[in-house]
Amino acid sequence: MRLAIATDAWSPQINGVVRSLQETAAALPGFGVAAHFVTAEGLPSLPLPTYPDIRLAIMAGPAIARRLDEIRPDAVHIATEGTIGHAVRRWCLTRQLPFTTSYHTRYPDYVRARAPIPEAWTYAWLRHFHGPARRTMVPTETMRQELSRWGFANLSLWARGVDTQLFRPRPAVTLDYPRPIMLSVGRLAVEKNIEAFLALDLPGTKLVVGDGPQRAELERRFPDAVFLGSRTGEALAQIYAGADVFVFTSRTDTYGNVMQEALASGLPVAAFPVPGPIDVVGDPVIACLDEDLAKAIRTALTLDPGRCRAAAEARSWSAAARQFAEALCPFGAIRSRAA
């Protein structure tokens, strides 16, 4: 089956959406699915306000239609709600073809952090976008229940996996910083709430990996923290392996792939008791979830790294890809039922 995946989030962006799509696509051939991405690459674009690293394609409709005609997909999945997502959605609706979508980002929280727009308005827009989809894939049961309360229908689960070969304990790795080393990995933006970590008065080193629109401000406000910028692959894996605890500060992420990377590296997690952490690291043997983040960090430092690693080993990208493939809605299946 030839699958077209439409996404506004794509390389060189470094985030959970891009990583999830790349890893899932790599595992899909095992389930008879060949993924072809439809992105903004090569199209005129404008920077997203407050996120200049993310660019939105403009006047994309005709070019997107040509790309889809070249791919000749048997199924379509729309991963994001940006201009690429809208163009592919319109292409499907015009041709009366079924499609699936996925919900990665809690836009109502992101918008509210930047402008006084009621979250009910943003949810109404999102319901309109996802409404025609045969299925909308969500990462956790908590998120499925939350969207259901907001009136979303046809929701199915698509969990996330982790590369346990890359992210693994490495006893020989040492980082030359005072211990304990408390690690945060992610985009540096207001909705990630990293100030909740950086403002804590704790012994040791606050180590921050990532980039984003808030980086310069955070470096200025918190000179005692160590900001390493973006890291990927082996370089990132070694940083995980050399830390003592992983600190996840977001209250808005729908999943948080970085928590699984931390577990695979043998790092216990400290986080707030909110959707995302509740689903991914809700087991108290691998994480401490507490509204008092300093307490959560201190408790997480006492947990067994071996149990963290064991939890991650049960979460493969192959299993996540199977969920994704089973939720797809091929054109042929619809046409056969219509006949």
C-alpha atoms as a PDB file:
ATOM      1  CA  MET A   1       0.000   0.000   0.000  1.00  0.00           C
ATOM      2  CA  ARG A   2       1.292   3.432  -0.963  1.00  0.00           C
ATOM      3  CA  LEU A   3       0.659   5.930   1.809  1.00  0.00           C
ATOM      4  CA  ALA A   4       0.937   9.714   1.518  1.00  0.00           C
ATOM      5  CA  ILE A   5       1.736  11.401   4.838  1.00  0.00           C
ATOM      6  CA  ALA A   6       1.127  15.138   4.869  1.00  0.00           C
ATOM      7  CA  THR A   7       3.060  17.121   7.447  1.00  0.00           C
ATOM      8  CA  ASP A   8       4.050  20.739   8.027  1.00  0.00           C
ATOM      9  CA  ALA A   9       6.615  19.523  10.592  1.00  0.00           C
ATOM     10  CA  TRP A  10       9.678  18.105   8.889  1.00  0.00           C
ATOM     11  CA  SER A  11      13.447  18.264   8.807  1.00  0.00           C
ATOM     12  CA  PRO A  12      15.502  20.227   9.612  1.00  0.00           C
ATOM     13  CA  GLN A  13      13.063  20.730  12.502  1.00  0.00           C
ATOM     14  CA  ILE A  14      13.947  18.668  15.577  1.00  0.00           C
ATOM     15  CA  ASN A  15      10.841  17.750  17.551  1.00  0.00           C
ATOM     16  CA  GLY A  16       8.679  14.857  18.631  1.00  0.00           C
ATOM     17  CA  VAL A  17       6.343  15.074  15.635  1.00  0.00           C
ATOM     18  CA  VAL A  18       9.169  14.760  13.116  1.00  0.00           C
ATOM     19  CA  ARG A  19      10.817  11.959  15.069  1.00  0.00           C
ATOM     20  CA  SER A  20       7.558  10.013  15.435  1.00  0.00           C
ATOM     21  CA  LEU A  21       6.793  10.255  11.729  1.00  0.00           C
ATOM     22  CA  GLN A  22      10.310   9.279  10.667  1.00  0.00           C
ATOM     23  CA  GLU A  23      10.524   6.274  12.983  1.00  0.00           C
ATOM     24  CA  THR A  24       7.021   5.066  12.164  1.00  0.00           C
ATOM     25  CA  ALA A  25       7.640   5.374   8.424  1.00  0.00           C
ATOM     26  CA  ALA A  26      10.844   3.364   8.773  1.00  0.00           C
ATOM     27  CA  ALA A  27       8.926   0.515  10.439  1.00  0.00           C
ATOM     28  CA  LEU A  28       5.846   0.570   8.166  1.00  0.00           C
ATOM     29  CA  PRO A  29       7.273  -1.624   5.340  1.00  0.00           C
ATOM     30  CA  GLY A  30       7.081  -4.509   7.797  1.00  0.00           C
ATOM     31  CA  PHE A  31       3.300  -4.115   7.606  1.00  0.00           C
ATOM     32  CA  GLY A  32       3.087  -3.733   3.821  1.00  0.00           C
ATOM     33  CA  VAL A  33       2.987   0.079   3.816  1.00  0.00           C
ATOM     34  CA  ALA A  34       5.361   2.348   1.862  1.00  0.00           C
ATOM     35  CA  ALA A  35       5.237   5.917   3.187  1.00  0.00           C
ATOM     36  CA  HIS A  36       5.750   8.955   0.942  1.00  0.00           C
ATOM     37  CA  PHE A  37       5.942  12.339   2.648  1.00  0.00           C
ATOM     38  CA  VAL A  38       4.230  15.485   1.429  1.00  0.00           C
ATOM     39  CA  THR A  39       5.985  18.449   3.052  1.00  0.00           C
ATOM     40  CA  ALA A  40       6.771  22.122   2.461  1.00  0.00           C
ATOM     41  CA  GLU A  41      10.178  21.262   1.032  1.00  0.00           C
ATOM     42  CA  GLY A  42      10.800  23.248  -2.157  1.00  0.00           C
ATOM     43  CA  LEU A  43       7.677  25.389  -1.765  1.00  0.00           C
ATOM     44  CA  PRO A  44       7.440  29.129  -1.026  1.00  0.00           C
ATOM     45  CA  SER A  45       6.996  29.571   2.708  1.00  0.00           C
ATOM     46  CA  LEU A  46       6.781  32.057   5.548  1.00  0.00           C
ATOM     47  CA  PRO A  47       8.074  31.678   9.124  1.00  0.00           C
ATOM     48  CA  LEU A  48       5.463  30.772  11.702  1.00  0.00           C
ATOM     49  CA  PRO A  49       4.932  33.710  14.099  1.00  0.00           C
ATOM     50  CA  THR A  50       6.939  33.184  17.332  1.00  0.00           C
ATOM     51  CA  TYR A  51       8.518  30.083  15.688  1.00  0.00           C
ATOM     52  CA  PRO A  52      10.769  31.292  12.856  1.00  0.00           C
ATOM     53  CA  ASP A  53      12.391  27.847  12.552  1.00  0.00           C
ATOM     54  CA  ILE A  54       9.027  26.440  11.456  1.00  0.00           C
ATOM     55  CA  ARG A  55       7.989  27.566   8.004  1.00  0.00           C
ATOM     56  CA  LEU A  56       4.492  27.327   6.544  1.00  0.00           C
ATOM     57  CA  ALA A  57       4.036  26.775   2.829  1.00  0.00           C
ATOM     58  CA  ILE A  58       2.030  29.434   0.987  1.00  0.00           C
ATOM     59  CA  MET A  59      -0.045  29.026  -2.180  1.00  0.00           C
ATOM     60  CA  ALA A  60       0.627  25.297  -1.837  1.00  0.00           C
ATOM     61  CA  GLY A  61      -2.589  23.808  -3.251  1.00  0.00           C
ATOM     62  CA  PRO A  62      -1.650  23.213  -6.913  1.00  0.00           C
ATOM     63  CA  ALA A  63       1.860  21.968  -6.094  1.00  0.00           C
ATOM     64  CA  ILE A  64       0.522  19.620  -3.421  1.00  0.00           C
ATOM     65  CA  ALA A  65      -2.086  18.243  -5.806  1.00  0.00           C
ATOM     66  CA  ARG A  66       0.642  17.506  -8.359  1.00  0.00           C
ATOM     67  CA  ARG A  67       2.735  15.730  -5.730  1.00  0.00           C
ATOM     68  CA  LEU A  68      -0.198  13.586  -4.669  1.00  0.00           C
ATOM     69  CA  ASP A  69      -1.005  12.725  -8.285  1.00  0.00           C
ATOM     70  CA  GLU A  70       2.628  11.610  -8.704  1.00  0.00           C
ATOM     71  CA  ILE A  71       2.542   9.478  -5.555  1.00  0.00           C
ATOM     72  CA  ARG A  72      -0.799   7.884  -6.532  1.00  0.00           C
ATOM     73  CA  PRO A  73      -1.517   6.945  -2.914  1.00  0.00           C
ATOM     74  CA  ASP A  74      -3.767   4.134  -1.754  1.00  0.00           C
ATOM     75  CA  ALA A  75      -4.288   5.962   1.543  1.00  0.00           C
ATOM     76  CA  VAL A  76      -3.663   9.427   2.994  1.00  0.00           C
ATOM     77  CA  HIS A  77      -2.688  10.446   6.506  1.00  0.00           C
ATOM     78  CA  ILE A  78      -2.646  14.118   7.547  1.00  0.00           C
ATOM     79  CA  ALA A  79      -0.284  14.577  10.478  1.00  0.00           C
ATOM     80  CA  THR A  80      -0.510  18.331  11.108  1.00  0.00           C
ATOM     81  CA  GLU A  81      -3.045  21.128  10.880  1.00  0.00           C
ATOM     82  CA  GLY A  82      -0.880  23.641   8.994  1.00  0.00           C
ATOM     83  CA  THR A  83      -1.037  24.783   5.384  1.00  0.00           C
ATOM     84  CA  ILE A  84       0.212  21.434   4.027  1.00  0.00           C
ATOM     85  CA  GLY A  85      -2.373  19.608   6.115  1.00  0.00           C
ATOM     86  CA  HIS A  86      -5.139  21.890   4.876  1.00  0.00           C
ATOM     87  CA  ALA A  87      -4.079  21.506   1.229  1.00  0.00           C
ATOM     88  CA  VAL A  88      -4.115  17.690   1.433  1.00  0.00           C
ATOM     89  CA  ARG A  89      -7.381  17.712   3.366  1.00  0.00           C
ATOM     90  CA  ARG A  90      -8.944  19.799   0.595  1.00  0.00           C
ATOM     91  CA  TRP A  91      -7.524  17.428  -2.055  1.00  0.00           C
ATOM     92  CA  CYS A  92      -9.156  14.447  -0.340  1.00  0.00           C
ATOM     93  CA  LEU A  93     -12.498  16.130   0.273  1.00  0.00           C
ATOM     94  CA  THR A  94     -12.730  17.355  -3.329  1.00  0.00           C
ATOM     95  CA  ARG A  95     -12.210  13.803  -4.575  1.00  0.00           C
ATOM     96  CA  GLN A  96     -14.387  12.258  -1.852  1.00  0.00           C
ATOM     97  CA  LEU A  97     -11.466  10.144  -0.651  1.00  0.00           C
ATOM     98  CA  PRO A  98     -11.147   8.982   2.974  1.00  0.00           C
ATOM     99  CA  PHE A  99      -8.206  10.056   5.096  1.00  0.00           C
ATOM    100  CA  THR A 100      -6.903   9.772   8.634  1.00  0.00           C
ATOM    101  CA  THR A 101      -5.375  12.463  10.831  1.00  0.00           C
ATOM    102  CA  SER A 102      -3.295  12.592  13.991  1.00  0.00           C
ATOM    103  CA  TYR A 103      -3.335  14.964  16.946  1.00  0.00           C
ATOM    104  CA  HIS A 104       0.181  15.752  18.161  1.00  0.00           C
ATOM    105  CA  THR A 105       0.027  19.218  19.656  1.00  0.00           C
ATOM    106  CA  ARG A 106      -2.225  20.772  22.282  1.00  0.00           C
ATOM    107  CA  TYR A 107      -2.751  23.917  20.264  1.00  0.00           C
ATOM    108  CA  PRO A 108      -5.310  25.426  22.653  1.00  0.00           C
ATOM    109  CA  ASP A 109      -2.644  25.552  25.372  1.00  0.00           C
ATOM    110  CA  TYR A 110      -0.006  26.871  22.981  1.00  0.00           C
ATOM    111  CA  VAL A 111      -2.300  29.602  21.674  1.00  0.00           C
ATOM    112  CA  ARG A 112      -3.462  30.574  25.144  1.00  0.00           C
ATOM    113  CA  ALA A 113       0.162  31.016  26.247  1.00  0.00           C
ATOM    114  CA  ARG A 114       0.613  33.646  23.540  1.00  0.00           C
ATOM    115  CA  ALA A 115      -2.756  35.371  23.093  1.00  0.00           C
ATOM    116  CA  PRO A 116      -6.027  35.823  25.033  1.00  0.00           C
ATOM    117  CA  ILE A 117      -7.979  33.454  22.786  1.00  0.00           C
ATOM    118  CA  PRO A 118     -10.488  31.161  24.551  1.00  0.00           C
ATOM    119  CA  GLU A 119      -9.478  27.535  24.254  1.00  0.00           C
ATOM    120  CA  ALA A 120     -13.050  26.672  23.215  1.00  0.00           C
ATOM    121  CA  TRP A 121     -12.481  28.640  19.987  1.00  0.00           C
ATOM    122  CA  THR A 122      -9.292  26.745  19.201  1.00  0.00           C
ATOM    123  CA  TYR A 123     -10.940  23.398  19.947  1.00  0.00           C
ATOM    124  CA  ALA A 124     -13.812  24.342  17.638  1.00  0.00           C
ATOM    125  CA  TRP A 125     -11.321  24.993  14.823  1.00  0.00           C
ATOM    126  CA  LEU A 126      -9.562  21.686  15.519  1.00  0.00           C
ATOM    127  CA  ARG A 127     -12.869  19.776  15.542  1.00  0.00           C
ATOM    128  CA  HIS A 128     -13.656  21.299  12.147  1.00  0.00           C
ATOM    129  CA  PHE A 129     -10.270  20.236  10.774  1.00  0.00           C
ATOM    130  CA  HIS A 130     -10.343  16.664  12.098  1.00  0.00           C
ATOM    131  CA  GLY A 131     -14.096  16.124  11.759  1.00  0.00           C
ATOM    132  CA  PRO A 132     -14.096  14.604   8.238  1.00  0.00           C
ATOM    133  CA  ALA A 133     -11.301  12.146   9.077  1.00  0.00           C
ATOM    134  CA  ARG A 134     -12.258   8.473   9.265  1.00  0.00           C
ATOM    135  CA  ARG A 135      -9.959   8.228  12.297  1.00  0.00           C
ATOM    136  CA  THR A 136      -7.965  10.707  14.334  1.00  0.00           C
ATOM    137  CA  MET A 137      -4.968   9.063  15.973  1.00  0.00           C
ATOM    138  CA  VAL A 138      -3.944  10.212  19.458  1.00  0.00           C
ATOM    139  CA  PRO A 139      -0.886   9.153  21.469  1.00  0.00           C
ATOM    140  CA  THR A 140      -2.453   8.215  24.821  1.00  0.00           C
ATOM    141  CA  GLU A 141      -5.683   7.100  26.441  1.00  0.00           C
ATOM    142  CA  THR A 142      -5.730  10.280  28.535  1.00  0.00           C
ATOM    143  CA  MET A 143      -5.624  12.383  25.377  1.00  0.00           C
ATOM    144  CA  ARG A 144      -8.357  10.254  23.795  1.00  0.00           C
ATOM    145  CA  GLN A 145     -10.617  10.914  26.753  1.00  0.00           C
ATOM    146  CA  GLU A 146      -9.794  14.624  26.797  1.00  0.00           C
ATOM    147  CA  LEU A 147     -10.569  15.119  23.102  1.00  0.00           C
ATOM    148  CA  SER A 148     -13.715  13.040  23.449  1.00  0.00           C
ATOM    149  CA  ARG A 149     -14.931  15.455  26.120  1.00  0.00           C
ATOM    150  CA  TRP A 150     -14.356  18.290  23.627  1.00  0.00           C
ATOM    151  CA  GLY A 151     -16.575  16.581  21.068  1.00  0.00           C
ATOM    152  CA  PHE A 152     -13.998  14.801  18.866  1.00  0.00           C
ATOM    153  CA  ALA A 153     -15.115  11.509  17.322  1.00  0.00           C
ATOM    154  CA  ASN A 154     -13.509   8.441  15.693  1.00  0.00           C
ATOM    155  CA  LEU A 155     -10.452   8.541  17.946  1.00  0.00           C
ATOM    156  CA  SER A 156      -7.883   5.719  17.945  1.00  0.00           C
ATOM    157  CA  LEU A 157      -4.587   5.163  19.740  1.00  0.00           C
ATOM    158  CA  TRP A 158      -1.175   5.490  18.109  1.00  0.00           C
ATOM    159  CA  ALA A 159       1.514   5.217  20.785  1.00  0.00           C
ATOM    160  CA  ARG A 160       5.194   6.081  20.367  1.00  0.00           C
ATOM    161  CA  GLY A 161       8.241   3.865  20.469  1.00  0.00           C
ATOM    162  CA  VAL A 162      11.890   4.355  21.347  1.00  0.00           C
ATOM    163  CA  ASP A 163      15.198   3.317  19.774  1.00  0.00           C
ATOM    164  CA  THR A 164      16.658   1.137  22.518  1.00  0.00           C
ATOM    165  CA  GLN A 165      19.804   0.451  20.480  1.00  0.00           C
ATOM    166  CA  LEU A 166      20.777   4.111  20.296  1.00  0.00           C
ATOM    167  CA  PHE A 167      19.445   5.141  23.694  1.00  0.00           C
ATOM    168  CA  ARG A 168      20.948   2.767  26.240  1.00  0.00           C
ATOM    169  CA  PRO A 169      22.921   2.823  29.494  1.00  0.00           C
ATOM    170  CA  ARG A 170      26.631   3.475  28.901  1.00  0.00           C
ATOM    171  CA  PRO A 171      28.553   3.005  32.189  1.00  0.00           C
ATOM    172  CA  ALA A 172      31.774   4.342  30.665  1.00  0.00           C
ATOM    173  CA  VAL A 173      30.236   7.725  29.781  1.00  0.00           C
ATOM    174  CA  THR A 174      30.947  10.538  32.226  1.00  0.00           C
ATOM    175  CA  LEU A 175      29.990  14.205  31.953  1.00  0.00           C
ATOM    176  CA  ASP A 176      32.338  16.707  33.524  1.00  0.00           C
ATOM    177  CA  TYR A 177      29.773  18.601  35.606  1.00  0.00           C
ATOM    178  CA  PRO A 178      28.968  18.646  39.323  1.00  0.00           C
ATOM    179  CA  ARG A 179      26.482  15.927  40.282  1.00  0.00           C
ATOM    180  CA  PRO A 180      23.692  15.186  40.326  1.00  0.00           C
ATOM    181  CA  ILE A 181      23.270  16.050  36.653  1.00  0.00           C
ATOM    182  CA  MET A 182      19.629  16.944  36.000  1.00  0.00           C
ATOM    183  CA  LEU A 183      18.882  16.808  32.282  1.00  0.00           C
ATOM    184  CA  SER A 184      16.151  18.497  30.235  1.00  0.00           C
ATOM    185  CA  VAL A 185      15.796  17.871  26.493  1.00  0.00           C
ATOM    186  CA  GLY A 186      13.351  19.715  24.274  1.00  0.00           C
ATOM    187  CA  ARG A 187      12.384  22.828  22.399  1.00  0.00           C
ATOM    188  CA  LEU A 188      13.007  26.022  24.344  1.00  0.00           C
ATOM    189  CA  ALA A 189       9.667  27.750  24.078  1.00  0.00           C
ATOM    190  CA  VAL A 190       7.184  29.220  26.514  1.00  0.00           C
ATOM    191  CA  GLU A 191       4.759  26.284  26.445  1.00  0.00           C
ATOM    192  CA  LYS A 192       7.513  23.878  27.548  1.00  0.00           C
ATOM    193  CA  ASN A 193       7.562  25.547  30.984  1.00  0.00           C
ATOM    194  CA  ILE A 194      11.278  24.943  31.503  1.00  0.00           C
ATOM    195  CA  GLU A 195      11.531  27.913  33.894  1.00  0.00           C
ATOM    196  CA  ALA A 196       9.819  25.677  36.451  1.00  0.00           C
ATOM    197  CA  PHE A 197      13.011  23.595  36.454  1.00  0.00           C
ATOM    198  CA  LEU A 198      15.641  26.287  35.961  1.00  0.00           C
ATOM    199  CA  ALA A 199      14.329  28.404  38.850  1.00  0.00           C
ATOM    200  CA  LEU A 200      14.732  25.598  41.417  1.00  0.00           C
ATOM    201  CA  ASP A 201      17.392  25.867  44.088  1.00  0.00           C
ATOM    202  CA  LEU A 202      19.017  22.440  43.876  1.00  0.00           C
ATOM    203  CA  PRO A 203      22.579  21.145  44.182  1.00  0.00           C
ATOM    204  CA  GLY A 204      24.267  19.784  41.085  1.00  0.00           C
ATOM    205  CA  THR A 205      23.996  20.778  37.431  1.00  0.00           C
ATOM    206  CA  LYS A 206      20.970  21.751  35.355  1.00  0.00           C
ATOM    207  CA  LEU A 207      21.840  20.568  31.861  1.00  0.00           C
ATOM    208  CA  VAL A 208      19.645  21.761  28.987  1.00  0.00           C
ATOM    209  CA  VAL A 209      19.690  20.280  25.481  1.00  0.00           C
ATOM    210  CA  GLY A 210      17.612  21.986  22.809  1.00  0.00           C
ATOM    211  CA  ASP A 211      17.041  25.217  20.958  1.00  0.00           C
ATOM    212  CA  GLY A 212      14.106  27.491  20.286  1.00  0.00           C
ATOM    213  CA  PRO A 213      12.737  31.022  20.496  1.00  0.00           C
ATOM    214  CA  GLN A 214      13.274  31.276  24.276  1.00  0.00           C
ATOM    215  CA  ARG A 215      16.895  30.171  24.390  1.00  0.00           C
ATOM    216  CA  ALA A 216      18.596  33.590  24.536  1.00  0.00           C
ATOM    217  CA  GLU A 217      16.218  34.810  27.242  1.00  0.00           C
ATOM    218  CA  LEU A 218      16.676  31.666  29.340  1.00  0.00           C
ATOM    219  CA  GLU A 219      20.457  31.787  29.082  1.00  0.00           C
ATOM    220  CA  ARG A 220      20.375  35.374  30.290  1.00  0.00           C
ATOM    221  CA  ARG A 221      17.995  34.688  33.178  1.00  0.00           C
ATOM    222  CA  PHE A 222      19.587  31.438  34.353  1.00  0.00           C
ATOM    223  CA  PRO A 223      23.381  31.755  33.970  1.00  0.00           C
ATOM    224  CA  ASP A 224      24.027  28.837  36.337  1.00  0.00           C
ATOM    225  CA  ALA A 225      22.400  26.353  33.955  1.00  0.00           C
ATOM    226  CA  VAL A 226      24.399  24.737  31.144  1.00  0.00           C
ATOM    227  CA  PHE A 227      22.824  25.169  27.696  1.00  0.00           C
ATOM    228  CA  LEU A 228      24.254  22.792  25.089  1.00  0.00           C
ATOM    229  CA  GLY A 229      22.009  23.654  22.143  1.00  0.00           C
ATOM    230  CA  SER A 230      20.550  20.992  19.859  1.00  0.00           C
ATOM    231  CA  ARG A 231      22.017  17.487  19.888  1.00  0.00           C
ATOM    232  CA  THR A 232      20.937  14.432  17.927  1.00  0.00           C
ATOM    233  CA  GLY A 233      21.956  10.825  17.406  1.00  0.00           C
ATOM    234  CA  GLU A 234      25.002   9.492  19.220  1.00  0.00           C
ATOM    235  CA  ALA A 235      25.871  12.867  20.751  1.00  0.00           C
ATOM    236  CA  LEU A 236      22.428  13.113  22.354  1.00  0.00           C
ATOM    237  CA  ALA A 237      22.475   9.470  23.474  1.00  0.00           C
ATOM    238  CA  GLN A 238      25.757   9.985  25.311  1.00  0.00           C
ATOM    239  CA  ILE A 239      24.361  12.993  27.175  1.00  0.00           C
ATOM    240  CA  TYR A 240      21.363  10.965  28.333  1.00  0.00           C
ATOM    241  CA  ALA A 241      23.654   8.163  29.465  1.00  0.00           C
ATOM    242  CA  GLY A 242      25.870  10.534  31.462  1.00  0.00           C
ATOM    243  CA  ALA A 243      23.061  12.236  33.398  1.00  0.00           C
ATOM    244  CA  ASP A 244      21.471  11.179  36.696  1.00  0.00           C
ATOM    245  CA  VAL A 245      17.817  12.183  36.300  1.00  0.00           C
ATOM    246  CA  PHE A 246      15.593  13.457  33.509  1.00  0.00           C
ATOM    247  CA  VAL A 247      13.365  16.465  34.181  1.00  0.00           C
ATOM    248  CA  PHE A 248      10.261  16.919  32.021  1.00  0.00           C
ATOM    249  CA  THR A 249       8.554  20.247  32.651  1.00  0.00           C
ATOM    250  CA  SER A 250       5.861  20.489  29.996  1.00  0.00           C
ATOM    251  CA  ARG A 251       2.230  20.580  31.028  1.00  0.00           C
ATOM    252  CA  THR A 252       1.012  20.699  27.423  1.00  0.00           C
ATOM    253  CA  ASP A 253       2.764  17.868  25.531  1.00  0.00           C
ATOM    254  CA  THR A 254       0.489  15.096  24.344  1.00  0.00           C
ATOM    255  CA  TYR A 255       3.217  12.478  24.821  1.00  0.00           C
ATOM    256  CA  GLY A 256       6.851  13.462  25.293  1.00  0.00           C
ATOM    257  CA  ASN A 257       9.109  11.091  23.317  1.00  0.00           C
ATOM    258  CA  VAL A 258      12.112  12.360  25.269  1.00  0.00           C
ATOM    259  CA  MET A 259      10.830  10.648  28.413  1.00  0.00           C
ATOM    260  CA  GLN A 260      11.099   7.284  26.680  1.00  0.00           C
ATOM    261  CA  GLU A 261      14.591   8.105  25.426  1.00  0.00           C
ATOM    262  CA  ALA A 262      15.530   8.883  29.026  1.00  0.00           C
ATOM    263  CA  LEU A 263      14.087   5.594  30.301  1.00  0.00           C
ATOM    264  CA  ALA A 264      15.930   3.643  27.619  1.00  0.00           C
ATOM    265  CA  SER A 265      19.145   5.319  28.797  1.00  0.00           C
ATOM    266  CA  GLY A 266      18.467   4.211  32.374  1.00  0.00           C
ATOM    267  CA  LEU A 267      17.322   7.630  33.574  1.00  0.00           C
ATOM    268  CA  PRO A 268      14.394   7.973  35.991  1.00  0.00           C
ATOM    269  CA  VAL A 269      12.015  10.835  35.224  1.00  0.00           C
ATOM    270  CA  ALA A 270      10.761  13.741  37.308  1.00  0.00           C
ATOM    271  CA  ALA A 271       7.664  15.513  35.969  1.00  0.00           C
ATOM    272  CA  PHE A 272       4.353  17.099  36.828  1.00  0.00           C
ATOM    273  CA  PRO A 273       1.299  14.810  37.235  1.00  0.00           C
ATOM    274  CA  VAL A 274      -0.361  15.865  33.964  1.00  0.00           C
ATOM    275  CA  PRO A 275      -1.394  14.146  30.705  1.00  0.00           C
ATOM    276  CA  GLY A 276       1.685  12.913  28.914  1.00  0.00           C
ATOM    277  CA  PRO A 277       3.758  11.965  31.956  1.00  0.00           C
ATOM    278  CA  ILE A 278       0.772  10.187  33.532  1.00  0.00           C
ATOM    279  CA  ASP A 279       0.515   7.907  30.487  1.00  0.00           C
ATOM    280  CA  VAL A 280       4.200   7.516  29.611  1.00  0.00           C
ATOM    281  CA  VAL A 281       5.861   7.311  33.048  1.00  0.00           C
ATOM    282  CA  GLY A 282       2.975   6.847  35.461  1.00  0.00           C
ATOM    283  CA  ASP A 283       4.633   3.834  37.120  1.00  0.00           C
ATOM    284  CA  PRO A 284       6.277   5.078  40.353  1.00  0.00           C
ATOM    285  CA  VAL A 285       9.192   2.665  39.955  1.00  0.00           C
ATOM    286  CA  ILE A 286      10.442   4.615  36.918  1.00  0.00           C
ATOM    287  CA  ALA A 287       9.364   8.188  37.665  1.00  0.00           C
ATOM    288  CA  CYS A 288       8.114  10.592  40.292  1.00  0.00           C
ATOM    289  CA  LEU A 289       5.226  12.849  39.322  1.00  0.00           C
ATOM    290  CA  ASP A 290       4.589  15.694  41.742  1.00  0.00           C
ATOM    291  CA  GLU A 291       3.420  19.293  41.655  1.00  0.00           C
ATOM    292  CA  ASP A 292       6.511  20.005  43.757  1.00  0.00           C
ATOM    293  CA  LEU A 293       9.086  19.518  41.000  1.00  0.00           C
ATOM    294  CA  ALA A 294      12.056  19.735  43.367  1.00  0.00           C
ATOM    295  CA  LYS A 295      10.582  16.901  45.428  1.00  0.00           C
ATOM    296  CA  ALA A 296       9.959  14.914  42.248  1.00  0.00           C
ATOM    297  CA  ILE A 297      13.624  15.307  41.253  1.00  0.00           C
ATOM    298  CA  ARG A 298      14.925  14.274  44.657  1.00  0.00           C
ATOM    299  CA  THR A 299      12.699  11.197  44.682  1.00  0.00           C
ATOM    300  CA  ALA A 300      13.502  10.231  41.087  1.00  0.00           C
ATOM    301  CA  LEU A 301      17.202  10.258  41.917  1.00  0.00           C
ATOM    302  CA  THR A 302      16.581   7.323  44.293  1.00  0.00           C
ATOM    303  CA  LEU A 303      14.919   5.086  41.672  1.00  0.00           C
ATOM    304  CA  ASP A 304      16.493   2.036  40.047  1.00  0.00           C
ATOM    305  CA  PRO A 305      17.960   2.769  36.572  1.00  0.00           C
ATOM    306  CA  GLY A 306      17.602  -0.906  35.642  1.00  0.00           C
ATOM    307  CA  ARG A 307      13.830  -0.790  35.983  1.00  0.00           C
ATOM    308  CA  CYS A 308      13.731   2.327  33.796  1.00  0.00           C
ATOM    309  CA  ARG A 309      15.609   0.493  31.069  1.00  0.00           C
ATOM    310  CA  ALA A 310      13.354  -2.551  31.367  1.00  0.00           C
ATOM    311  CA  ALA A 311      10.247  -0.389  30.917  1.00  0.00           C
ATOM    312  CA  ALA A 312      11.640   1.130  27.707  1.00  0.00           C
ATOM    313  CA  GLU A 313      12.556  -2.235  26.223  1.00  0.00           C
ATOM    314  CA  ALA A 314       8.855  -3.109  25.977  1.00  0.00           C
ATOM    315  CA  ARG A 315       8.128  -0.040  23.799  1.00  0.00           C
ATOM    316  CA  SER A 316       9.256  -0.594  20.219  1.00  0.00           C
ATOM    317  CA  TRP A 317       8.680   1.513  17.130  1.00  0.00           C
ATOM    318  CA  SER A 318       7.489  -1.643  15.393  1.00  0.00           C
ATOM    319  CA  ALA A 319       4.578  -1.940  17.831  1.00  0.00           C
ATOM    320  CA  ALA A 320       3.756   1.750  17.322  1.00  0.00           C
ATOM    321  CA  ALA A 321       3.865   1.331  13.528  1.00  0.00           C
ATOM    322  CA  ARG A 322       1.475  -1.617  13.749  1.00  0.00           C
ATOM    323  CA  GLN A 323      -1.079   0.558  15.572  1.00  0.00           C
ATOM    324  CA  PHE A 324      -0.652   3.262  12.951  1.00  0.00           C
ATOM    325  CA  ALA A 325      -1.029   0.863  10.011  1.00  0.00           C
ATOM    326  CA  GLU A 326      -4.136  -0.752  11.466  1.00  0.00           C
ATOM    327  CA  ALA A 327      -5.828   2.646  11.800  1.00  0.00           C
ATOM    328  CA  LEU A 328      -5.285   3.668   8.164  1.00  0.00           C
ATOM    329  CA  CYS A 329      -8.242   3.799   5.807  1.00  0.00           C
ATOM    330  CA  PRO A 330      -7.239   2.669   2.294  1.00  0.00           C
ATOM    331  CA  PHE A 331      -9.234   4.035  -0.617  1.00  0.00           C
ATOM    332  CA  GLY A 332      -9.822   0.520  -1.950  1.00  0.00           C
ATOM    333  CA  ALA A 333     -11.544  -0.644   1.219  1.00  0.00           C
ATOM    334  CA  ILE A 334     -14.030   2.213   0.990  1.00  0.00           C
ATOM    335  CA  ARG A 335     -14.653   1.638  -2.706  1.00  0.00           C
ATOM    336  CA  SER A 336     -15.171  -2.093  -2.128  1.00  0.00           C
ATOM    337  CA  ARG A 337     -17.748  -1.443   0.580  1.00  0.00           C
ATOM    338  CA  ALA A 338     -19.498   1.109  -1.646  1.00  0.00           C
ATOM    339  CA  ALA A 339     -19.686  -1.451  -4.445  1.00  0.00           C
END
